């Protein structure tokens, strides 16, 4: 499965921050590409969600 449902169900962090990070990461992937896109059948948003939830990418929300 492309979206890590188990990690999504078990996520206890701030949903707003996670969503914001996934949206920003999806934009980055769209602009620069990512090697995981081939594995995830070219699905940018699913790749971004997976990377944020599995902590492959770090994020920080600034005021």
N, C-alpha and C. Protein backbone atom coordinates (compact mmCIF):
# COMPACT_ATOMS: atom_id res chain seq x y z
N UNK A 1 0.85 -1.18 0.00
CA UNK A 1 0.00 0.00 0.00
C UNK A 1 0.89 1.24 0.00
N UNK A 2 0.49 2.24 -0.74
CA UNK A 2 1.33 3.42 -0.91
C UNK A 2 1.30 4.31 0.32
N UNK A 3 0.13 4.61 0.86
CA UNK A 3 0.04 5.43 2.08
C UNK A 3 0.20 4.50 3.28
N UNK A 4 1.11 4.85 4.20
CA UNK A 4 1.33 3.99 5.37
C UNK A 4 0.19 4.14 6.38
N UNK A 5 -0.87 3.38 6.17
CA UNK A 5 -2.07 3.52 7.01
C UNK A 5 -1.80 3.23 8.48
N UNK A 6 -0.96 2.24 8.76
CA UNK A 6 -0.67 1.91 10.15
C UNK A 6 -0.01 3.09 10.86
N UNK A 7 0.95 3.73 10.19
CA UNK A 7 1.60 4.90 10.79
C UNK A 7 0.62 6.06 10.93
N UNK A 8 -0.27 6.19 9.95
CA UNK A 8 -1.27 7.26 10.00
C UNK A 8 -2.23 7.05 11.17
N UNK A 9 -2.66 5.82 11.38
CA UNK A 9 -3.55 5.51 12.50
C UNK A 9 -2.88 5.71 13.85
N UNK A 10 -1.59 5.39 13.93
CA UNK A 10 -0.86 5.46 15.20
C UNK A 10 -0.20 6.81 15.44
N UNK A 11 -0.38 7.75 14.53
CA UNK A 11 0.25 9.06 14.67
C UNK A 11 -0.43 9.84 15.80
N UNK A 12 0.38 10.32 16.73
CA UNK A 12 -0.16 11.06 17.88
C UNK A 12 0.27 12.52 17.89
N UNK A 13 0.90 12.96 16.81
CA UNK A 13 1.34 14.35 16.73
C UNK A 13 0.21 15.28 16.33
N UNK A 14 0.56 16.52 16.16
CA UNK A 14 -0.38 17.56 15.76
C UNK A 14 -0.77 17.33 14.30
N UNK A 15 -2.04 17.14 14.05
CA UNK A 15 -2.53 16.84 12.70
C UNK A 15 -2.31 18.02 11.76
N UNK A 16 -2.50 19.23 12.26
CA UNK A 16 -2.28 20.42 11.44
C UNK A 16 -0.83 20.49 10.98
N UNK A 17 0.11 20.30 11.89
CA UNK A 17 1.53 20.36 11.54
C UNK A 17 1.90 19.27 10.54
N UNK A 18 1.40 18.07 10.75
CA UNK A 18 1.69 16.97 9.86
C UNK A 18 1.13 17.23 8.46
N UNK A 19 -0.08 17.74 8.40
CA UNK A 19 -0.70 18.05 7.11
C UNK A 19 0.07 19.16 6.40
N UNK A 20 0.43 20.19 7.14
CA UNK A 20 1.19 21.29 6.56
C UNK A 20 2.53 20.81 6.03
N UNK A 21 3.21 19.97 6.79
CA UNK A 21 4.49 19.43 6.37
C UNK A 21 4.35 18.57 5.12
N UNK A 22 3.30 17.77 5.06
CA UNK A 22 3.08 16.91 3.90
C UNK A 22 2.78 17.74 2.65
N UNK A 23 2.02 18.82 2.80
CA UNK A 23 1.71 19.69 1.66
C UNK A 23 2.98 20.35 1.14
N UNK A 24 3.79 20.86 2.06
CA UNK A 24 5.03 21.51 1.65
C UNK A 24 6.00 20.52 1.01
N UNK A 25 6.05 19.31 1.57
CA UNK A 25 6.93 18.27 1.01
C UNK A 25 6.43 17.86 -0.37
N UNK A 26 5.13 17.77 -0.57
CA UNK A 26 4.59 17.43 -1.88
C UNK A 26 5.01 18.48 -2.92
N UNK A 27 4.98 19.74 -2.54
CA UNK A 27 5.42 20.80 -3.44
C UNK A 27 6.89 20.63 -3.79
N UNK A 28 7.72 20.35 -2.77
CA UNK A 28 9.15 20.14 -3.01
C UNK A 28 9.38 18.98 -3.97
N UNK A 29 8.68 17.89 -3.76
CA UNK A 29 8.83 16.71 -4.62
C UNK A 29 8.40 17.04 -6.05
N UNK A 30 7.34 17.81 -6.20
CA UNK A 30 6.87 18.20 -7.53
C UNK A 30 7.93 19.01 -8.27
N UNK A 31 8.59 19.90 -7.56
CA UNK A 31 9.58 20.78 -8.17
C UNK A 31 10.90 20.04 -8.43
N UNK A 32 11.37 19.28 -7.44
CA UNK A 32 12.71 18.69 -7.54
C UNK A 32 12.71 17.21 -7.87
N UNK A 33 11.58 16.53 -7.69
CA UNK A 33 11.54 15.09 -7.90
C UNK A 33 12.06 14.34 -6.68
N UNK A 34 11.89 13.04 -6.70
CA UNK A 34 12.36 12.19 -5.60
C UNK A 34 12.49 10.77 -6.12
N UNK A 35 13.48 10.07 -5.64
CA UNK A 35 13.72 8.70 -6.10
C UNK A 35 12.60 7.74 -5.69
N UNK A 36 11.84 8.08 -4.66
CA UNK A 36 10.75 7.20 -4.21
C UNK A 36 9.52 7.26 -5.12
N UNK A 37 9.46 8.22 -6.01
CA UNK A 37 8.29 8.34 -6.90
C UNK A 37 8.10 7.11 -7.77
N UNK A 38 9.20 6.52 -8.22
CA UNK A 38 9.09 5.31 -9.04
C UNK A 38 8.48 4.17 -8.24
N UNK A 39 8.89 4.03 -6.98
CA UNK A 39 8.36 2.97 -6.12
C UNK A 39 6.88 3.20 -5.84
N UNK A 40 6.48 4.46 -5.68
CA UNK A 40 5.10 4.82 -5.34
C UNK A 40 4.26 5.15 -6.57
N UNK A 41 4.65 4.65 -7.72
CA UNK A 41 3.88 4.80 -8.96
C UNK A 41 3.63 6.26 -9.32
N UNK A 42 4.57 7.14 -9.00
CA UNK A 42 4.46 8.55 -9.36
C UNK A 42 3.50 9.36 -8.52
N UNK A 43 3.04 8.83 -7.42
CA UNK A 43 2.06 9.53 -6.57
C UNK A 43 2.79 10.46 -5.60
N UNK A 44 2.73 11.75 -5.89
CA UNK A 44 3.50 12.75 -5.14
C UNK A 44 2.98 12.89 -3.71
N UNK A 45 1.68 13.05 -3.54
CA UNK A 45 1.12 13.28 -2.20
C UNK A 45 1.34 12.06 -1.31
N UNK A 46 1.14 10.88 -1.84
CA UNK A 46 1.36 9.67 -1.05
C UNK A 46 2.81 9.55 -0.63
N UNK A 47 3.72 9.90 -1.53
CA UNK A 47 5.14 9.87 -1.20
C UNK A 47 5.46 10.88 -0.10
N UNK A 48 4.89 12.07 -0.20
CA UNK A 48 5.12 13.11 0.81
C UNK A 48 4.59 12.69 2.17
N UNK A 49 3.39 12.12 2.21
CA UNK A 49 2.81 11.67 3.48
C UNK A 49 3.68 10.59 4.10
N UNK A 50 4.11 9.63 3.28
CA UNK A 50 4.96 8.55 3.79
C UNK A 50 6.26 9.12 4.38
N UNK A 51 6.88 10.04 3.68
CA UNK A 51 8.15 10.60 4.14
C UNK A 51 7.99 11.38 5.44
N UNK A 52 6.90 12.08 5.59
CA UNK A 52 6.66 12.84 6.82
C UNK A 52 6.36 11.90 7.98
N UNK A 53 5.48 10.93 7.76
CA UNK A 53 5.09 10.03 8.85
C UNK A 53 6.21 9.09 9.29
N UNK A 54 7.06 8.68 8.34
CA UNK A 54 8.16 7.78 8.70
C UNK A 54 9.41 8.56 9.09
N UNK A 55 9.27 9.89 9.13
CA UNK A 55 10.34 10.80 9.55
C UNK A 55 11.57 10.74 8.65
N UNK A 56 11.36 10.43 7.37
CA UNK A 56 12.46 10.51 6.41
C UNK A 56 12.87 11.96 6.23
N UNK A 57 11.91 12.86 6.30
CA UNK A 57 12.19 14.30 6.24
C UNK A 57 11.80 14.91 7.59
N UNK A 58 12.56 15.88 8.00
CA UNK A 58 12.29 16.59 9.24
C UNK A 58 11.58 17.89 8.89
N UNK A 59 10.70 18.34 9.75
CA UNK A 59 10.01 19.60 9.49
C UNK A 59 9.88 20.40 10.79
N UNK A 60 9.75 21.71 10.58
CA UNK A 60 9.58 22.63 11.69
C UNK A 60 8.62 23.71 11.24
N UNK A 61 7.56 23.92 11.97
CA UNK A 61 6.59 24.97 11.64
C UNK A 61 7.04 26.26 12.31
N UNK A 62 7.21 27.29 11.48
CA UNK A 62 7.64 28.58 12.01
C UNK A 62 6.46 29.54 12.05
N UNK A 63 6.49 30.44 13.01
CA UNK A 63 5.42 31.43 13.15
C UNK A 63 5.53 32.51 12.12
